[in-house]
Amino acid sequence: MSWPFLYFSYEGLSLAELTAARLDGDLVDVGEAFMPTDAVETHTLRAASLGRLIPGTLAITRVSAAWVHGAVSAPPARHTVQRLSSARAHVRDPRLAYRDRPVPSGDVVFIAGVAVTSPPRTLADLVRDLCHGDESARTVVESMRIWRPELVDEAVALLESAPPMHFKRPALAFLRARGAESISG
C-alpha cells in the first residue's frame, strides 16, 4: 500500500535525493522512510514506515513498539521483533533484533498492516526486561507510564492471566508498586 506522506528510496526518488531534501529541511526521517516536515507523525505513519522492513510473520515489540504507539519520540537503532506463529523465522537483517519466542495473537494489534504488540504487552515486556537487568528499559517504562497511566493496571492484568514466562513475578511486583504510587500520588 502506498502512503501519501511517506517517501521510500525505492519508490521514485533515490536515497541521495531524499537525503538532500532532508538536508534542505523539506523532509524528516521516520523509521525507514522520509516524510514532509509539516506532516504530523502519527502511529500509523510510524508503523507504515516499517512495513517493508518487517515481514508479515513478525511483530514489532518492546522499544520499537513503544515508538510506533507514540510513547517515546525516537526510534531505537535496531527494531526488536518476535515471531507470530509457532514456526521459527530466519531473520538476518542487521536492522532487526529478533527474539524467537512467539507472541500470542491476543497481544498483537495491527497498525497500517504491521503487527505490533499492544501497549499493555509492550509495557509488560519492557518491565520484564528491566527486572532482568536491562536498565536501558527504565526510561521507556517511565515514558509509557506517563503517556498512558492506565497501562500499569492493564499490564498487571495481562501478566496475571499470562502463562508462565521469565521474570513474570518481579515484573508484577514492580508494576503493582508503580500502580500504588500513582493512586497515592
N, C-alpha and C. Protein backbone atom coordinates (compact mmCIF):
# COMPACT_ATOMS: atom_id res chain seq x y z
N MET A 1 0.84 -1.18 0.00
CA MET A 1 0.00 0.00 0.00
C MET A 1 0.89 1.25 0.00
N SER A 2 0.49 2.23 -0.74
CA SER A 2 1.23 3.49 -0.82
C SER A 2 0.69 4.47 0.20
N TRP A 3 1.57 5.17 0.87
CA TRP A 3 1.18 6.16 1.87
C TRP A 3 1.52 7.54 1.35
N PRO A 4 0.55 8.46 1.34
CA PRO A 4 0.77 9.77 0.72
C PRO A 4 1.85 10.63 1.38
N PHE A 5 2.14 10.42 2.65
CA PHE A 5 3.13 11.27 3.32
C PHE A 5 4.44 10.55 3.59
N LEU A 6 4.62 9.37 3.02
CA LEU A 6 5.86 8.62 3.22
C LEU A 6 6.59 8.45 1.90
N TYR A 7 7.90 8.69 1.93
CA TYR A 7 8.74 8.54 0.75
C TYR A 7 9.83 7.53 1.05
N PHE A 8 9.92 6.52 0.20
CA PHE A 8 10.93 5.48 0.33
C PHE A 8 11.91 5.61 -0.83
N SER A 9 13.15 5.25 -0.59
CA SER A 9 14.18 5.42 -1.62
C SER A 9 13.96 4.53 -2.83
N TYR A 10 13.17 3.49 -2.72
CA TYR A 10 12.94 2.59 -3.84
C TYR A 10 11.64 2.92 -4.57
N GLU A 11 11.02 4.05 -4.25
CA GLU A 11 9.78 4.45 -4.93
C GLU A 11 9.93 5.84 -5.55
N GLY A 12 10.64 5.94 -6.64
CA GLY A 12 10.74 7.21 -7.35
C GLY A 12 12.03 7.96 -7.10
N LEU A 13 12.19 8.52 -5.93
CA LEU A 13 13.40 9.29 -5.62
C LEU A 13 14.47 8.39 -5.03
N SER A 14 15.71 8.71 -5.35
CA SER A 14 16.83 7.92 -4.81
C SER A 14 17.08 8.34 -3.36
N LEU A 15 17.86 7.53 -2.66
CA LEU A 15 18.23 7.85 -1.29
C LEU A 15 19.00 9.17 -1.24
N ALA A 16 19.84 9.43 -2.23
CA ALA A 16 20.60 10.69 -2.28
C ALA A 16 19.65 11.88 -2.41
N GLU A 17 18.63 11.76 -3.25
CA GLU A 17 17.67 12.86 -3.43
C GLU A 17 16.86 13.08 -2.15
N LEU A 18 16.43 12.01 -1.53
CA LEU A 18 15.67 12.13 -0.28
C LEU A 18 16.52 12.73 0.83
N THR A 19 17.76 12.31 0.91
CA THR A 19 18.67 12.85 1.91
C THR A 19 18.93 14.33 1.67
N ALA A 20 19.08 14.71 0.42
CA ALA A 20 19.27 16.13 0.09
C ALA A 20 18.03 16.94 0.50
N ALA A 21 16.85 16.40 0.25
CA ALA A 21 15.62 17.09 0.66
C ALA A 21 15.55 17.20 2.18
N ARG A 22 16.06 16.19 2.88
CA ARG A 22 16.11 16.26 4.35
C ARG A 22 17.08 17.35 4.79
N LEU A 23 18.25 17.42 4.15
CA LEU A 23 19.22 18.45 4.49
C LEU A 23 18.70 19.85 4.18
N ASP A 24 17.86 19.96 3.16
CA ASP A 24 17.25 21.25 2.82
C ASP A 24 16.12 21.62 3.76
N GLY A 25 15.70 20.67 4.62
CA GLY A 25 14.62 20.95 5.56
C GLY A 25 13.23 20.64 5.02
N ASP A 26 13.15 19.98 3.86
CA ASP A 26 11.84 19.65 3.28
C ASP A 26 11.29 18.33 3.82
N LEU A 27 12.17 17.42 4.23
CA LEU A 27 11.77 16.10 4.73
C LEU A 27 12.44 15.82 6.07
N VAL A 28 11.85 14.89 6.82
CA VAL A 28 12.45 14.37 8.05
C VAL A 28 12.39 12.85 7.99
N ASP A 29 13.28 12.20 8.74
CA ASP A 29 13.28 10.73 8.83
C ASP A 29 12.10 10.28 9.68
N VAL A 30 11.50 9.17 9.28
CA VAL A 30 10.55 8.46 10.12
C VAL A 30 10.75 6.98 9.84
N GLY A 31 11.28 6.26 10.81
CA GLY A 31 11.56 4.84 10.62
C GLY A 31 12.47 4.61 9.43
N GLU A 32 12.00 3.83 8.46
CA GLU A 32 12.77 3.50 7.27
C GLU A 32 12.36 4.37 6.09
N ALA A 33 11.72 5.51 6.34
CA ALA A 33 11.21 6.37 5.26
C ALA A 33 11.48 7.83 5.59
N PHE A 34 10.96 8.69 4.75
CA PHE A 34 11.02 10.14 4.96
C PHE A 34 9.60 10.66 4.84
N MET A 35 9.33 11.78 5.49
CA MET A 35 8.03 12.43 5.38
C MET A 35 8.22 13.94 5.36
N PRO A 36 7.23 14.69 4.84
CA PRO A 36 7.35 16.15 4.82
C PRO A 36 7.48 16.70 6.24
N THR A 37 8.24 17.77 6.37
CA THR A 37 8.45 18.36 7.69
C THR A 37 7.16 18.89 8.31
N ASP A 38 6.18 19.24 7.49
CA ASP A 38 4.94 19.79 8.04
C ASP A 38 3.86 18.74 8.25
N ALA A 39 4.15 17.47 7.99
CA ALA A 39 3.18 16.39 8.23
C ALA A 39 3.25 15.97 9.70
N VAL A 40 2.13 15.49 10.21
CA VAL A 40 2.06 15.02 11.59
C VAL A 40 2.51 13.56 11.64
N GLU A 41 3.46 13.29 12.51
CA GLU A 41 3.99 11.93 12.65
C GLU A 41 3.06 11.13 13.55
N THR A 42 2.21 10.31 12.96
CA THR A 42 1.24 9.51 13.70
C THR A 42 1.74 8.08 13.88
N HIS A 43 1.03 7.33 14.73
CA HIS A 43 1.41 5.93 14.91
C HIS A 43 1.21 5.15 13.61
N THR A 44 0.25 5.55 12.80
CA THR A 44 0.02 4.89 11.52
C THR A 44 1.20 5.10 10.58
N LEU A 45 1.70 6.33 10.50
CA LEU A 45 2.87 6.60 9.64
C LEU A 45 4.12 5.89 10.16
N ARG A 46 4.27 5.85 11.47
CA ARG A 46 5.43 5.16 12.03
C ARG A 46 5.40 3.68 11.67
N ALA A 47 4.25 3.04 11.85
CA ALA A 47 4.13 1.62 11.50
C ALA A 47 4.32 1.41 10.01
N ALA A 48 3.69 2.25 9.20
CA ALA A 48 3.80 2.11 7.75
C ALA A 48 5.24 2.29 7.27
N SER A 49 6.00 3.13 7.96
CA SER A 49 7.40 3.34 7.57
C SER A 49 8.24 2.08 7.75
N LEU A 50 7.76 1.17 8.59
CA LEU A 50 8.48 -0.09 8.84
C LEU A 50 7.87 -1.27 8.09
N GLY A 51 6.80 -1.01 7.35
CA GLY A 51 6.06 -2.08 6.69
C GLY A 51 6.88 -2.98 5.79
N ARG A 52 7.83 -2.41 5.06
CA ARG A 52 8.65 -3.20 4.14
C ARG A 52 9.80 -3.89 4.87
N LEU A 53 10.17 -3.38 6.02
CA LEU A 53 11.27 -3.96 6.80
C LEU A 53 10.81 -5.18 7.59
N ILE A 54 9.58 -5.14 8.09
CA ILE A 54 9.06 -6.18 8.98
C ILE A 54 8.20 -7.18 8.18
N PRO A 55 8.65 -8.43 8.05
CA PRO A 55 7.84 -9.43 7.35
C PRO A 55 6.53 -9.70 8.10
N GLY A 56 5.54 -10.18 7.39
CA GLY A 56 4.23 -10.47 7.98
C GLY A 56 4.25 -11.56 9.03
N THR A 57 5.34 -12.30 9.15
CA THR A 57 5.45 -13.36 10.14
C THR A 57 5.99 -12.86 11.48
N LEU A 58 6.32 -11.56 11.54
CA LEU A 58 6.92 -10.99 12.75
C LEU A 58 6.08 -9.84 13.29
N ALA A 59 6.23 -9.59 14.59
CA ALA A 59 5.58 -8.45 15.24
C ALA A 59 6.65 -7.53 15.82
N ILE A 60 6.40 -6.24 15.77
CA ILE A 60 7.28 -5.25 16.38
C ILE A 60 7.03 -5.28 17.88
N THR A 61 8.09 -5.28 18.69
CA THR A 61 7.95 -5.39 20.14
C THR A 61 8.82 -4.36 20.87
N ARG A 62 8.66 -4.34 22.17
CA ARG A 62 9.48 -3.59 23.12
C ARG A 62 9.64 -2.11 22.76
N VAL A 63 10.86 -1.58 22.73
CA VAL A 63 11.07 -0.15 22.50
C VAL A 63 10.53 0.25 21.13
N SER A 64 10.68 -0.62 20.15
CA SER A 64 10.16 -0.33 18.80
C SER A 64 8.65 -0.16 18.83
N ALA A 65 7.97 -1.03 19.57
CA ALA A 65 6.51 -0.92 19.69
C ALA A 65 6.13 0.35 20.45
N ALA A 66 6.88 0.67 21.51
CA ALA A 66 6.61 1.90 22.25
C ALA A 66 6.75 3.12 21.34
N TRP A 67 7.74 3.09 20.43
CA TRP A 67 7.91 4.18 19.47
C TRP A 67 6.75 4.24 18.49
N VAL A 68 6.35 3.10 17.94
CA VAL A 68 5.23 3.07 16.99
C VAL A 68 3.98 3.62 17.66
N HIS A 69 3.70 3.20 18.88
CA HIS A 69 2.48 3.67 19.58
C HIS A 69 2.55 5.15 19.92
N GLY A 70 3.74 5.71 20.02
CA GLY A 70 3.87 7.13 20.33
C GLY A 70 4.27 7.42 21.76
N ALA A 71 4.65 6.40 22.52
CA ALA A 71 5.05 6.61 23.91
C ALA A 71 6.44 7.21 24.03
N VAL A 72 7.29 6.98 23.05
CA VAL A 72 8.62 7.58 23.00
C VAL A 72 8.79 8.26 21.64
N SER A 73 9.63 9.29 21.61
CA SER A 73 9.73 10.09 20.39
C SER A 73 10.77 9.61 19.39
N ALA A 74 11.76 8.87 19.84
CA ALA A 74 12.83 8.44 18.94
C ALA A 74 12.82 6.93 18.75
N PRO A 75 13.00 6.47 17.52
CA PRO A 75 13.05 5.02 17.30
C PRO A 75 14.38 4.46 17.79
N PRO A 76 14.40 3.18 18.14
CA PRO A 76 15.68 2.57 18.53
C PRO A 76 16.58 2.39 17.32
N ALA A 77 17.85 2.17 17.57
CA ALA A 77 18.81 1.95 16.47
C ALA A 77 18.49 0.65 15.73
N ARG A 78 18.06 -0.37 16.48
CA ARG A 78 17.63 -1.65 15.89
C ARG A 78 16.23 -1.93 16.39
N HIS A 79 15.35 -2.35 15.50
CA HIS A 79 13.97 -2.66 15.88
C HIS A 79 13.87 -4.09 16.38
N THR A 80 13.19 -4.26 17.51
CA THR A 80 13.02 -5.57 18.10
C THR A 80 11.75 -6.21 17.56
N VAL A 81 11.87 -7.48 17.14
CA VAL A 81 10.74 -8.22 16.58
C VAL A 81 10.68 -9.61 17.20
N GLN A 82 9.48 -10.18 17.18
CA GLN A 82 9.27 -11.57 17.60
C GLN A 82 8.36 -12.23 16.59
N ARG A 83 8.45 -13.55 16.54
CA ARG A 83 7.61 -14.27 15.59
C ARG A 83 6.17 -14.33 16.07
N LEU A 84 5.26 -14.45 15.11
CA LEU A 84 3.83 -14.51 15.41
C LEU A 84 3.31 -15.94 15.48
N SER A 85 4.00 -16.86 14.87
CA SER A 85 3.50 -18.24 14.80
C SER A 85 4.45 -19.20 15.50
N SER A 86 4.06 -20.46 15.51
CA SER A 86 4.92 -21.46 16.13
C SER A 86 6.10 -21.82 15.22
N ALA A 87 6.01 -21.47 13.94
CA ALA A 87 7.12 -21.76 13.01
C ALA A 87 8.25 -20.76 13.24
N ARG A 88 9.44 -21.27 13.34
CA ARG A 88 10.61 -20.39 13.55
C ARG A 88 10.90 -19.59 12.29
N ALA A 89 11.34 -18.36 12.52
CA ALA A 89 11.69 -17.47 11.41
C ALA A 89 13.21 -17.38 11.28
N HIS A 90 13.65 -17.04 10.12
CA HIS A 90 15.09 -16.83 9.88
C HIS A 90 15.26 -15.35 9.54
N VAL A 91 15.70 -14.58 10.51
CA VAL A 91 15.85 -13.15 10.35
C VAL A 91 17.33 -12.82 10.28
N ARG A 92 17.74 -12.21 9.19
CA ARG A 92 19.16 -11.90 9.00
C ARG A 92 19.40 -10.43 8.75
N ASP A 93 18.41 -9.61 8.91
CA ASP A 93 18.57 -8.18 8.67
C ASP A 93 19.24 -7.54 9.88
N PRO A 94 20.37 -6.87 9.70
CA PRO A 94 21.08 -6.27 10.84
C PRO A 94 20.31 -5.13 11.50
N ARG A 95 19.25 -4.65 10.84
CA ARG A 95 18.43 -3.58 11.43
C ARG A 95 17.42 -4.13 12.42
N LEU A 96 17.33 -5.47 12.52
CA LEU A 96 16.35 -6.11 13.39
C LEU A 96 17.02 -6.95 14.47
N ALA A 97 16.52 -6.83 15.69
CA ALA A 97 16.91 -7.71 16.80
C ALA A 97 15.76 -8.70 16.96
N TYR A 98 16.03 -9.96 16.70
CA TYR A 98 14.99 -10.99 16.67
C TYR A 98 14.95 -11.78 17.96
N ARG A 99 13.74 -11.96 18.50
CA ARG A 99 13.51 -12.82 19.66
C ARG A 99 12.66 -13.98 19.17
N ASP A 100 13.09 -15.19 19.49
CA ASP A 100 12.48 -16.37 18.90
C ASP A 100 11.17 -16.82 19.55
N ARG A 101 10.88 -16.38 20.74
CA ARG A 101 9.65 -16.82 21.41
C ARG A 101 8.44 -16.18 20.71
N PRO A 102 7.38 -16.98 20.40
CA PRO A 102 6.22 -16.40 19.70
C PRO A 102 5.40 -15.47 20.61
N VAL A 103 4.81 -14.46 20.00
CA VAL A 103 3.92 -13.54 20.71
C VAL A 103 2.49 -14.06 20.54
N PRO A 104 1.72 -14.19 21.63
CA PRO A 104 0.33 -14.62 21.48
C PRO A 104 -0.46 -13.64 20.62
N SER A 105 -1.31 -14.16 19.76
CA SER A 105 -2.06 -13.30 18.83
C SER A 105 -2.94 -12.30 19.56
N GLY A 106 -3.38 -12.62 20.75
CA GLY A 106 -4.21 -11.69 21.52
C GLY A 106 -3.45 -10.49 22.05
N ASP A 107 -2.13 -10.55 22.00
CA ASP A 107 -1.28 -9.45 22.48
C ASP A 107 -0.77 -8.57 21.34
N VAL A 108 -1.35 -8.74 20.15
CA VAL A 108 -0.88 -8.02 18.96
C VAL A 108 -2.01 -7.18 18.38
N VAL A 109 -1.67 -5.98 17.94
CA VAL A 109 -2.60 -5.14 17.19
C VAL A 109 -1.95 -4.88 15.82
N PHE A 110 -2.78 -4.61 14.84
CA PHE A 110 -2.27 -4.31 13.51
C PHE A 110 -2.47 -2.83 13.23
N ILE A 111 -1.37 -2.16 12.90
CA ILE A 111 -1.38 -0.74 12.56
C ILE A 111 -0.78 -0.62 11.18
N ALA A 112 -1.54 -0.08 10.25
CA ALA A 112 -1.10 0.06 8.86
C ALA A 112 -0.64 -1.28 8.29
N GLY A 113 -1.29 -2.36 8.72
CA GLY A 113 -0.96 -3.69 8.23
C GLY A 113 0.25 -4.33 8.86
N VAL A 114 0.84 -3.67 9.86
CA VAL A 114 2.04 -4.18 10.53
C VAL A 114 1.65 -4.66 11.93
N ALA A 115 2.10 -5.85 12.30
CA ALA A 115 1.81 -6.39 13.63
C ALA A 115 2.71 -5.70 14.67
N VAL A 116 2.07 -5.21 15.74
CA VAL A 116 2.77 -4.51 16.82
C VAL A 116 2.19 -5.03 18.13
N THR A 117 3.03 -5.29 19.12
CA THR A 117 2.47 -5.71 20.41
C THR A 117 1.61 -4.57 20.97
N SER A 118 0.54 -4.95 21.64
CA SER A 118 -0.38 -3.97 22.22
C SER A 118 0.36 -3.15 23.29
N PRO A 119 -0.13 -1.96 23.60
CA PRO A 119 0.55 -1.17 24.65
C PRO A 119 0.72 -1.92 25.98
N PRO A 120 -0.32 -2.64 26.49
CA PRO A 120 -0.08 -3.36 27.75
C PRO A 120 1.00 -4.44 27.63
N ARG A 121 1.01 -5.17 26.52
CA ARG A 121 2.03 -6.20 26.32
C ARG A 121 3.41 -5.56 26.18
N THR A 122 3.48 -4.43 25.49
CA THR A 122 4.75 -3.73 25.33
C THR A 122 5.30 -3.32 26.68
N LEU A 123 4.45 -2.73 27.53
CA LEU A 123 4.90 -2.33 28.87
C LEU A 123 5.31 -3.54 29.69
N ALA A 124 4.53 -4.61 29.65
CA ALA A 124 4.87 -5.82 30.41
C ALA A 124 6.22 -6.38 29.97
N ASP A 125 6.47 -6.43 28.67
CA ASP A 125 7.76 -6.93 28.17
C ASP A 125 8.92 -6.05 28.61
N LEU A 126 8.72 -4.74 28.54
CA LEU A 126 9.79 -3.81 28.94
C LEU A 126 10.09 -3.92 30.43
N VAL A 127 9.06 -4.10 31.25
CA VAL A 127 9.28 -4.25 32.69
C VAL A 127 9.99 -5.58 32.97
N ARG A 128 9.64 -6.63 32.24
CA ARG A 128 10.35 -7.90 32.41
C ARG A 128 11.82 -7.74 32.03
N ASP A 129 12.10 -6.98 30.96
CA ASP A 129 13.49 -6.70 30.58
C ASP A 129 14.21 -5.94 31.69
N LEU A 130 13.53 -4.96 32.26
CA LEU A 130 14.10 -4.17 33.35
C LEU A 130 14.41 -5.06 34.55
N CYS A 131 13.50 -5.95 34.89
CA CYS A 131 13.71 -6.87 36.02
C CYS A 131 14.83 -7.87 35.72
N HIS A 132 15.13 -8.08 34.46
CA HIS A 132 16.21 -8.96 34.06
C HIS A 132 17.56 -8.24 34.10
N GLY A 133 17.53 -6.92 34.34
CA GLY A 133 18.76 -6.16 34.46
C GLY A 133 19.04 -5.20 33.32
N ASP A 134 18.10 -5.06 32.38
CA ASP A 134 18.28 -4.15 31.25
C ASP A 134 17.85 -2.74 31.67
N GLU A 135 18.80 -1.98 32.22
CA GLU A 135 18.49 -0.63 32.72
C GLU A 135 18.08 0.33 31.61
N SER A 136 18.42 0.04 30.36
CA SER A 136 18.01 0.92 29.26
C SER A 136 16.49 0.93 29.09
N ALA A 137 15.80 -0.09 29.61
CA ALA A 137 14.34 -0.14 29.50
C ALA A 137 13.66 0.81 30.48
N ARG A 138 14.36 1.25 31.51
CA ARG A 138 13.75 2.08 32.56
C ARG A 138 13.13 3.37 32.01
N THR A 139 13.84 4.09 31.16
CA THR A 139 13.30 5.35 30.66
C THR A 139 12.07 5.12 29.77
N VAL A 140 12.06 4.03 29.02
CA VAL A 140 10.91 3.73 28.17
C VAL A 140 9.72 3.32 29.03
N VAL A 141 9.97 2.55 30.09
CA VAL A 141 8.89 2.18 31.02
C VAL A 141 8.27 3.43 31.63
N GLU A 142 9.11 4.35 32.08
CA GLU A 142 8.60 5.59 32.68
C GLU A 142 7.86 6.44 31.65
N SER A 143 8.37 6.48 30.43
CA SER A 143 7.67 7.21 29.37
C SER A 143 6.29 6.62 29.09
N MET A 144 6.20 5.30 29.10
CA MET A 144 4.91 4.66 28.86
C MET A 144 3.94 4.93 30.00
N ARG A 145 4.45 4.95 31.24
CA ARG A 145 3.59 5.26 32.40
C ARG A 145 3.04 6.68 32.30
N ILE A 146 3.87 7.61 31.86
CA ILE A 146 3.43 8.99 31.73
C ILE A 146 2.47 9.13 30.54
N TRP A 147 2.78 8.45 29.45
CA TRP A 147 1.98 8.51 28.23
C TRP A 147 0.55 8.05 28.48
N ARG A 148 0.40 6.90 29.14
CA ARG A 148 -0.92 6.36 29.45
C ARG A 148 -0.85 5.67 30.82
N PRO A 149 -1.16 6.40 31.91
CA PRO A 149 -1.05 5.84 33.25
C PRO A 149 -1.86 4.55 33.47
N GLU A 150 -2.98 4.40 32.78
CA GLU A 150 -3.82 3.21 32.95
C GLU A 150 -3.14 1.94 32.43
N LEU A 151 -2.06 2.09 31.68
CA LEU A 151 -1.34 0.92 31.17
C LEU A 151 -0.76 0.06 32.27
N VAL A 152 -0.45 0.66 33.41
CA VAL A 152 0.12 -0.12 34.51
C VAL A 152 -0.86 -1.20 34.93
N ASP A 153 -2.12 -0.82 35.16
CA ASP A 153 -3.13 -1.80 35.56
C ASP A 153 -3.41 -2.80 34.44
N GLU A 154 -3.40 -2.33 33.20
CA GLU A 154 -3.63 -3.23 32.06
C GLU A 154 -2.49 -4.24 31.92
N ALA A 155 -1.27 -3.81 32.16
CA ALA A 155 -0.12 -4.72 32.09
C ALA A 155 -0.16 -5.74 33.23
N VAL A 156 -0.59 -5.31 34.41
CA VAL A 156 -0.74 -6.23 35.54
C VAL A 156 -1.76 -7.31 35.18
N ALA A 157 -2.91 -6.90 34.67
CA ALA A 157 -3.96 -7.86 34.29
C ALA A 157 -3.44 -8.83 33.21
N LEU A 158 -2.70 -8.31 32.26
CA LEU A 158 -2.15 -9.16 31.20
C LEU A 158 -1.20 -10.20 31.77
N LEU A 159 -0.29 -9.76 32.65
CA LEU A 159 0.68 -10.70 33.23
C LEU A 159 0.01 -11.71 34.15
N GLU A 160 -1.01 -11.28 34.90
CA GLU A 160 -1.70 -12.20 35.80
C GLU A 160 -2.38 -13.33 35.02
N SER A 161 -2.87 -13.04 33.83
CA SER A 161 -3.56 -14.06 33.04
C SER A 161 -2.63 -14.79 32.07
N ALA A 162 -1.38 -14.37 31.99
CA ALA A 162 -0.43 -14.97 31.04
C ALA A 162 0.11 -16.29 31.57
N PRO A 163 0.51 -17.17 30.66
CA PRO A 163 1.17 -18.41 31.09
C PRO A 163 2.53 -18.08 31.71
N PRO A 164 3.18 -19.05 32.35
CA PRO A 164 4.49 -18.78 32.94
C PRO A 164 5.46 -18.20 31.91
N MET A 165 6.23 -17.20 32.34
CA MET A 165 7.25 -16.59 31.49
C MET A 165 8.35 -16.04 32.38
N HIS A 166 9.50 -15.82 31.79
CA HIS A 166 10.65 -15.31 32.53
C HIS A 166 10.34 -13.96 33.15
N PHE A 167 10.73 -13.80 34.42
CA PHE A 167 10.64 -12.54 35.17
C PHE A 167 9.21 -12.02 35.33
N LYS A 168 8.26 -12.92 35.32
CA LYS A 168 6.86 -12.54 35.49
C LYS A 168 6.60 -12.02 36.91
N ARG A 169 7.07 -12.73 37.92
CA ARG A 169 6.82 -12.32 39.32
C ARG A 169 7.45 -10.98 39.66
N PRO A 170 8.73 -10.77 39.36
CA PRO A 170 9.29 -9.45 39.68
C PRO A 170 8.64 -8.33 38.86
N ALA A 171 8.22 -8.63 37.64
CA ALA A 171 7.55 -7.61 36.82
C ALA A 171 6.21 -7.25 37.44
N LEU A 172 5.48 -8.25 37.91
CA LEU A 172 4.20 -7.97 38.59
C LEU A 172 4.42 -7.13 39.84
N ALA A 173 5.43 -7.46 40.62
CA ALA A 173 5.72 -6.68 41.83
C ALA A 173 6.08 -5.24 41.47
N PHE A 174 6.89 -5.05 40.46
CA PHE A 174 7.28 -3.72 40.00
C PHE A 174 6.05 -2.92 39.57
N LEU A 175 5.22 -3.53 38.74
CA LEU A 175 4.04 -2.83 38.22
C LEU A 175 3.04 -2.53 39.33
N ARG A 176 2.83 -3.47 40.24
CA ARG A 176 1.90 -3.22 41.35
C ARG A 176 2.39 -2.07 42.22
N ALA A 177 3.69 -1.99 42.45
CA ALA A 177 4.24 -0.88 43.24
C ALA A 177 4.04 0.45 42.50
N ARG A 178 4.21 0.45 41.18
CA ARG A 178 4.01 1.68 40.40
C ARG A 178 2.54 2.06 40.36
N GLY A 179 1.65 1.07 40.31
CA GLY A 179 0.21 1.35 40.36
C GLY A 179 -0.19 1.98 41.68
N ALA A 180 0.39 1.49 42.77
CA ALA A 180 0.11 2.05 44.09
C ALA A 180 0.65 3.47 44.20
N GLU A 181 1.80 3.74 43.58
CA GLU A 181 2.37 5.09 43.59
C GLU A 181 1.44 6.08 42.90
N SER A 182 0.86 5.67 41.77
CA SER A 182 0.01 6.60 41.03
C SER A 182 -1.31 6.84 41.75
N ILE A 183 -1.79 5.86 42.52
CA ILE A 183 -3.03 6.04 43.28
C ILE A 183 -2.79 6.97 44.46
N SER A 184 -1.67 6.76 45.19
CA SER A 184 -1.40 7.59 46.36
C SER A 184 -0.85 8.97 45.98
N GLY A 185 -0.27 9.08 44.77
CA GLY A 185 0.37 10.31 44.34
C GLY A 185 -0.63 11.23 43.75
